[in-house]
Amino acid sequence: MAWRRDEGALTRWLGFSSESLSKIEDIELATLKIHLVLEDASKSLLAARLAVKEDAFFDLRIDFSTLVDVALEGAGNSHLVGALRALNTARNYVSHHVESSQFMDKLALFVRESAAGAAPKSGPVSMPAGHWPNHPKEQFTALKEAFDEAAFAIFDLAINGIPKAQA
């Protein structure tokens, strides 16, 4: 999937989530890619909050933790912030360590925090929300669901804004 600036962050997320993520078989690579997409979404949220063009921060290098803190300031969604921080820590373990016993723990926390901050689901559920399974295939499913929940929450804030009671 080409990563085109002119498509917008929402379209890039949808394309990655529906087309590319299912082709990745390595959970560490999936984590790195998910981190990039959620960083892109967070930059889009920051642009919306500052009322500038959506791609204003496309090429800007900004520390992920700082981006999350600034983009989500006043949003009142501590679970989303916790999820993104856990994902960032997991990503850092992959990027800066040959092996880390804490990598999977941080992914599990990302999944739990994403589920805790997500809107309740209706219909059949394959596993309890926020559950981190032992089987790798089920871990991918949980990671993808958490990724989509986090992205949805970010784009919801970008599109609808932060409710006045929380801002």
Protein backbone atom coordinates (compact mmCIF):
# COMPACT_ATOMS: atom_id res chain seq x y z
CA MET A 1 0.00 0.00 0.00
CA ALA A 2 1.37 3.37 -1.00
CA TRP A 3 1.53 5.96 1.76
CA ARG A 4 0.27 9.06 0.00
CA ARG A 5 0.10 12.42 1.72
CA ASP A 6 -2.87 13.56 -0.37
CA GLU A 7 -5.09 10.66 0.76
CA GLY A 8 -5.51 11.87 4.33
CA ALA A 9 -4.86 10.01 7.55
CA LEU A 10 -8.31 8.41 7.73
CA THR A 11 -7.96 6.88 4.27
CA ARG A 12 -4.41 5.72 5.03
CA TRP A 13 -5.65 4.00 8.24
CA LEU A 14 -8.54 2.32 6.44
CA GLY A 15 -6.26 1.10 3.65
CA PHE A 16 -3.63 -0.21 6.03
CA SER A 17 -6.14 -1.84 8.36
CA SER A 18 -8.16 -3.52 5.62
CA GLU A 19 -5.42 -4.34 3.09
CA SER A 20 -1.95 -4.43 4.58
CA LEU A 21 -2.16 -5.48 8.21
CA SER A 22 -3.61 -8.91 7.44
CA LYS A 23 -0.58 -9.69 5.25
CA ILE A 24 1.89 -9.15 8.11
CA GLU A 25 2.77 -12.33 9.97
CA ASP A 26 5.34 -10.98 12.44
CA ILE A 27 3.88 -9.33 15.54
CA GLU A 28 6.91 -7.09 16.00
CA LEU A 29 6.63 -5.76 12.44
CA ALA A 30 2.88 -5.31 12.93
CA THR A 31 3.59 -3.31 16.09
CA LEU A 32 6.00 -1.00 14.26
CA LYS A 33 3.52 -0.40 11.43
CA ILE A 34 0.57 0.10 13.79
CA HIS A 35 2.63 2.65 15.71
CA LEU A 36 3.32 4.57 12.48
CA VAL A 37 -0.34 4.62 11.50
CA LEU A 38 -1.49 5.77 14.95
CA GLU A 39 1.22 8.44 14.92
CA ASP A 40 -0.19 9.64 11.58
CA ALA A 41 -3.70 9.66 13.05
CA SER A 42 -2.50 11.61 16.09
CA LYS A 43 -0.87 14.22 13.83
CA SER A 44 -4.20 14.51 12.03
CA LEU A 45 -5.96 15.03 15.37
CA LEU A 46 -3.46 17.71 16.36
CA ALA A 47 -4.02 19.50 13.04
CA ALA A 48 -7.79 19.37 13.56
CA ARG A 49 -7.49 20.75 17.08
CA LEU A 50 -5.30 23.61 15.84
CA ALA A 51 -7.58 24.21 12.84
CA VAL A 52 -4.76 23.85 10.29
CA LYS A 53 -4.53 21.71 7.16
CA GLU A 54 -4.71 18.00 7.99
CA ASP A 55 -1.30 17.31 6.49
CA ALA A 56 0.39 20.23 8.27
CA PHE A 57 2.37 17.83 10.47
CA PHE A 58 2.80 15.02 7.92
CA ASP A 59 6.58 15.42 7.63
CA LEU A 60 7.16 16.80 11.12
CA ARG A 61 9.33 14.64 13.36
CA ILE A 62 7.90 14.86 16.83
CA ASP A 63 8.42 12.61 19.82
CA PHE A 64 5.45 10.22 20.00
CA SER A 65 4.88 10.75 23.73
CA THR A 66 4.84 14.51 23.25
CA LEU A 67 2.50 14.17 20.27
CA VAL A 68 0.06 12.06 22.31
CA ASP A 69 0.19 14.47 25.26
CA VAL A 70 -0.43 17.55 23.09
CA ALA A 71 -2.98 16.02 20.69
CA LEU A 72 -5.05 14.43 23.49
CA GLU A 73 -4.76 17.24 26.06
CA GLY A 74 -8.16 17.74 27.62
CA ALA A 75 -9.74 14.82 25.76
CA GLY A 76 -10.60 13.04 28.99
CA ASN A 77 -9.78 9.62 27.58
CA SER A 78 -7.10 8.31 29.91
CA HIS A 79 -7.49 4.80 28.45
CA LEU A 80 -6.63 6.02 24.95
CA VAL A 81 -3.60 7.85 26.32
CA GLY A 82 -2.61 4.73 28.27
CA ALA A 83 -3.06 2.55 25.20
CA LEU A 84 -0.89 4.78 23.04
CA ARG A 85 1.80 5.01 25.70
CA ALA A 86 1.84 1.21 26.06
CA LEU A 87 2.09 0.80 22.29
CA ASN A 88 4.94 3.31 22.18
CA THR A 89 6.80 1.43 24.90
CA ALA A 90 6.28 -1.86 23.03
CA ARG A 91 7.55 -0.22 19.85
CA ASN A 92 10.60 1.08 21.70
CA TYR A 93 11.36 -2.42 22.98
CA VAL A 94 11.34 -3.68 19.39
CA SER A 95 13.39 -0.77 18.07
CA HIS A 96 16.02 -0.60 20.80
CA HIS A 97 16.42 -4.15 22.13
CA VAL A 98 17.27 -7.44 20.46
CA GLU A 99 14.83 -9.17 22.80
CA SER A 100 12.60 -7.93 25.58
CA SER A 101 10.52 -9.89 28.01
CA GLN A 102 8.29 -6.82 28.43
CA PHE A 103 7.30 -6.45 24.77
CA MET A 104 4.28 -8.77 25.00
CA ASP A 105 3.29 -7.28 28.37
CA LYS A 106 3.10 -3.82 26.77
CA LEU A 107 1.09 -5.14 23.82
CA ALA A 108 -1.30 -6.77 26.28
CA LEU A 109 -1.62 -3.42 28.08
CA PHE A 110 -2.28 -1.69 24.74
CA VAL A 111 -5.08 -4.17 24.07
CA ARG A 112 -6.61 -3.78 27.55
CA GLU A 113 -6.44 0.03 27.51
CA SER A 114 -7.86 0.25 23.98
CA ALA A 115 -10.78 -1.97 24.98
CA ALA A 116 -11.39 -0.03 28.20
CA GLY A 117 -11.65 3.24 26.30
CA ALA A 118 -13.71 1.91 23.40
CA ALA A 119 -17.44 2.15 22.95
CA PRO A 120 -19.28 -1.06 23.94
CA LYS A 121 -19.69 -3.51 21.07
CA SER A 122 -22.90 -5.12 20.00
CA GLY A 123 -23.26 -8.48 18.33
CA PRO A 124 -21.15 -11.62 18.65
CA VAL A 125 -17.71 -11.22 20.18
CA SER A 126 -14.87 -13.66 19.44
CA MET A 127 -13.10 -13.04 22.77
CA PRO A 128 -13.64 -10.78 25.77
CA ALA A 129 -12.69 -7.16 25.13
CA GLY A 130 -9.17 -6.45 26.28
CA HIS A 131 -8.23 -10.11 26.62
CA TRP A 132 -4.63 -10.94 25.65
CA PRO A 133 -4.59 -14.55 24.42
CA ASN A 134 -1.68 -16.99 24.48
CA HIS A 135 -1.95 -18.18 20.87
CA PRO A 136 -0.09 -15.99 18.32
CA LYS A 137 -2.95 -15.94 15.78
CA GLU A 138 -5.38 -14.78 18.47
CA GLN A 139 -2.82 -12.20 19.62
CA PHE A 140 -2.83 -10.73 16.11
CA THR A 141 -6.61 -10.55 16.21
CA ALA A 142 -6.56 -8.80 19.59
CA LEU A 143 -3.83 -6.41 18.40
CA LYS A 144 -5.76 -5.52 15.23
CA GLU A 145 -8.96 -4.91 17.20
CA ALA A 146 -7.10 -2.69 19.68
CA PHE A 147 -5.46 -0.83 16.79
CA ASP A 148 -8.80 -0.17 15.11
CA GLU A 149 -10.38 0.90 18.42
CA ALA A 150 -7.56 3.35 19.10
CA ALA A 151 -7.63 4.72 15.55
CA PHE A 152 -11.41 5.09 15.67
CA ALA A 153 -11.18 7.00 18.96
CA ILE A 154 -8.52 9.34 17.54
CA PHE A 155 -10.46 10.03 14.34
CA ASP A 156 -13.67 10.52 16.31
CA LEU A 157 -11.95 13.28 18.27
CA ALA A 158 -10.50 14.78 15.08
CA ILE A 159 -13.88 14.83 13.34
CA ASN A 160 -16.23 15.60 16.22
CA GLY A 161 -13.89 17.50 18.50
CA ILE A 162 -13.47 17.15 22.21
CA PRO A 163 -16.74 17.52 24.14
CA LYS A 164 -16.94 20.92 25.83
CA ALA A 165 -17.26 19.45 29.32
CA GLN A 166 -13.83 17.82 28.86
CA ALA A 167 -11.99 20.53 26.91
